[in-house]
């Protein structure tokens, strides 16, 4: 379920606006889930994910990629692909009645629920990429500072 996630890099518990609204009602399943996560991550702050953050996650996750992934990881009965085709309105029944496909966001959420290992992999990969970017930025900043220090020393030597 992608309504709530743990962001170890930012040390935050992130949730959708809808999930937060339900979690604010005492006794709901969402409330209990949030309290459990807060106990597990006491130093983390709670934040609401904005739509832009959610949309940028899994950039490049197309219907074609989902279909290919499902083909490789589906059960022998093909039940996951059947559900996918139903959501996409590509099964016989949907075609017969002229049903429309569900929205991309719903299908993506369903896909990530079906394959939590996929979501975990992307979170780890994004975390690694973020660390690489931070390291590169620190290296570039150190080089820039060293170049400035060298120029400063040259100017000081010239005017001394």
Protein backbone atom coordinates (compact mmCIF):
# COMPACT_ATOMS: atom_id res chain seq x y z
CA UNK A 1 0.00 0.00 0.00
CA UNK A 2 1.52 3.29 -1.07
CA UNK A 3 -0.60 5.47 1.27
CA UNK A 4 2.25 5.68 3.76
CA UNK A 5 5.98 5.16 3.46
CA UNK A 6 9.15 5.55 5.47
CA UNK A 7 11.77 7.86 3.99
CA UNK A 8 15.00 6.97 5.78
CA UNK A 9 16.98 9.63 3.90
CA UNK A 10 14.79 12.47 5.12
CA UNK A 11 13.88 10.69 8.37
CA UNK A 12 10.18 11.19 7.69
CA UNK A 13 6.98 9.18 7.71
CA UNK A 14 5.19 10.28 4.55
CA UNK A 15 1.52 9.72 3.81
CA UNK A 16 -1.10 10.78 1.32
CA UNK A 17 -3.57 13.50 2.22
CA UNK A 18 -6.46 11.03 2.14
CA UNK A 19 -4.63 8.59 4.43
CA UNK A 20 -3.77 11.42 6.85
CA UNK A 21 -7.43 12.48 7.02
CA UNK A 22 -8.52 8.95 7.93
CA UNK A 23 -5.57 8.45 10.29
CA UNK A 24 -6.64 11.55 12.23
CA UNK A 25 -9.81 9.73 13.33
CA UNK A 26 -9.17 7.84 16.56
CA UNK A 27 -9.63 4.08 16.34
CA UNK A 28 -9.50 3.69 12.55
CA UNK A 29 -7.17 1.12 11.02
CA UNK A 30 -5.15 3.97 9.53
CA UNK A 31 -4.84 5.61 12.97
CA UNK A 32 -3.55 2.34 14.45
CA UNK A 33 -1.13 1.86 11.55
CA UNK A 34 0.24 5.39 11.96
CA UNK A 35 0.70 4.95 15.70
CA UNK A 36 2.54 1.67 15.13
CA UNK A 37 4.88 3.29 12.61
CA UNK A 38 5.48 6.24 14.95
CA UNK A 39 6.46 3.79 17.71
CA UNK A 40 8.85 2.02 15.30
CA UNK A 41 10.38 5.33 14.12
CA UNK A 42 10.23 7.68 17.13
CA UNK A 43 12.68 10.28 15.75
CA UNK A 44 10.93 10.62 12.39
CA UNK A 45 8.59 13.50 11.57
CA UNK A 46 5.23 12.95 9.88
CA UNK A 47 4.63 14.68 6.54
CA UNK A 48 1.91 14.74 3.93
CA UNK A 49 3.15 13.80 0.45
CA UNK A 50 2.19 16.30 -2.19
CA UNK A 51 0.95 15.10 -5.55
CA UNK A 52 4.18 16.17 -7.29
CA UNK A 53 6.28 13.96 -4.98
CA UNK A 54 4.05 10.96 -5.61
CA UNK A 55 4.01 11.50 -9.37
CA UNK A 56 7.82 11.70 -9.59
CA UNK A 57 8.20 8.35 -7.86
CA UNK A 58 8.72 5.49 -10.28
CA UNK A 59 9.27 7.80 -13.21
CA UNK A 60 9.19 5.71 -16.38
CA UNK A 61 6.84 3.08 -14.96
CA UNK A 62 4.70 2.66 -18.07
CA UNK A 63 1.79 0.33 -18.74
CA UNK A 64 4.06 -1.62 -21.09
CA UNK A 65 6.69 -2.05 -18.39
CA UNK A 66 4.06 -3.14 -15.85
CA UNK A 67 2.74 -5.71 -18.33
CA UNK A 68 6.23 -7.06 -19.00
CA UNK A 69 6.97 -7.25 -15.26
CA UNK A 70 3.68 -9.01 -14.54
CA UNK A 71 4.37 -11.56 -17.28
CA UNK A 72 7.66 -12.43 -15.59
CA UNK A 73 6.27 -12.56 -12.04
CA UNK A 74 2.67 -13.72 -12.42
CA UNK A 75 1.30 -16.91 -10.92
CA UNK A 76 0.76 -19.95 -13.12
CA UNK A 77 -2.95 -19.16 -13.34
CA UNK A 78 -2.18 -15.66 -14.66
CA UNK A 79 -4.49 -14.08 -12.09
CA UNK A 80 -2.45 -10.89 -11.71
CA UNK A 81 -2.42 -10.28 -15.47
CA UNK A 82 -6.19 -10.85 -15.53
CA UNK A 83 -6.65 -8.15 -12.89
CA UNK A 84 -4.29 -5.83 -14.77
CA UNK A 85 -6.22 -6.32 -18.01
CA UNK A 86 -9.49 -5.71 -16.19
CA UNK A 87 -8.18 -2.44 -14.73
CA UNK A 88 -6.91 -1.45 -18.19
CA UNK A 89 -10.30 -2.45 -19.70
CA UNK A 90 -8.55 -4.92 -22.01
CA UNK A 91 -10.32 -8.10 -20.91
CA UNK A 92 -13.26 -9.63 -22.83
CA UNK A 93 -15.92 -8.36 -20.42
CA UNK A 94 -14.58 -4.80 -20.42
CA UNK A 95 -14.36 -4.74 -24.20
CA UNK A 96 -17.88 -6.18 -24.54
CA UNK A 97 -19.47 -3.42 -22.47
CA UNK A 98 -17.13 -0.65 -23.66
CA UNK A 99 -15.68 0.02 -20.21
CA UNK A 100 -12.95 2.60 -19.78
CA UNK A 101 -9.58 2.02 -18.20
CA UNK A 102 -8.97 3.09 -14.62
CA UNK A 103 -6.65 6.07 -14.16
CA UNK A 104 -2.89 5.61 -14.29
CA UNK A 105 -2.57 6.51 -10.60
CA UNK A 106 -5.00 3.74 -9.58
CA UNK A 107 -3.29 1.18 -11.80
CA UNK A 108 0.16 2.21 -10.56
CA UNK A 109 -1.00 1.97 -6.94
CA UNK A 110 -2.50 -1.47 -7.61
CA UNK A 111 0.74 -2.59 -9.31
CA UNK A 112 2.89 -1.44 -6.39
CA UNK A 113 0.54 -3.22 -3.96
CA UNK A 114 0.89 -6.43 -5.97
CA UNK A 115 4.69 -6.21 -6.12
CA UNK A 116 6.02 -4.59 -2.91
CA UNK A 117 9.54 -5.83 -3.70
CA UNK A 118 9.46 -3.63 -6.82
CA UNK A 119 8.67 -0.54 -4.72
CA UNK A 120 11.34 -1.45 -2.16
CA UNK A 121 13.94 -1.87 -4.90
CA UNK A 122 13.17 1.55 -6.35
CA UNK A 123 13.28 3.18 -2.93
CA UNK A 124 16.72 1.65 -2.28
CA UNK A 125 17.93 2.65 -5.75
CA UNK A 126 16.64 6.22 -5.34
CA UNK A 127 18.34 6.41 -1.95
CA UNK A 128 21.62 5.23 -3.49
CA UNK A 129 21.30 7.76 -6.32
CA UNK A 130 20.61 10.52 -3.81
CA UNK A 131 23.73 9.58 -1.82
CA UNK A 132 25.81 9.53 -5.02
CA UNK A 133 24.51 13.00 -5.93
CA UNK A 134 25.32 14.31 -2.45
CA UNK A 135 28.84 12.88 -2.64
CA UNK A 136 29.39 14.36 -6.11
CA UNK A 137 28.11 17.74 -4.95
CA UNK A 138 30.41 17.66 -1.94
CA UNK A 139 33.37 16.74 -4.17
CA UNK A 140 32.53 19.53 -6.62
CA UNK A 141 32.12 22.01 -3.78
CA UNK A 142 35.53 20.99 -2.36
CA UNK A 143 37.15 21.44 -5.78
CA UNK A 144 35.50 24.83 -6.23
CA UNK A 145 36.68 25.92 -2.77
CA UNK A 146 40.23 24.69 -3.48
CA UNK A 147 40.28 26.63 -6.77
CA UNK A 148 39.09 29.79 -5.00
CA UNK A 149 41.69 29.34 -2.27
CA UNK A 150 44.42 28.91 -4.91
CA UNK A 151 43.31 32.12 -6.68
CA UNK A 152 43.19 33.96 -3.36
CA UNK A 153 46.71 32.77 -2.46
CA UNK A 154 47.99 33.80 -5.92
CA UNK A 155 46.49 37.29 -5.54
CA UNK A 156 47.87 37.66 -2.03
CA UNK A 157 51.31 36.59 -3.21
CA UNK A 158 51.15 39.02 -6.11
CA UNK A 159 50.29 42.01 -3.86
CA UNK A 160 52.64 41.14 -1.01
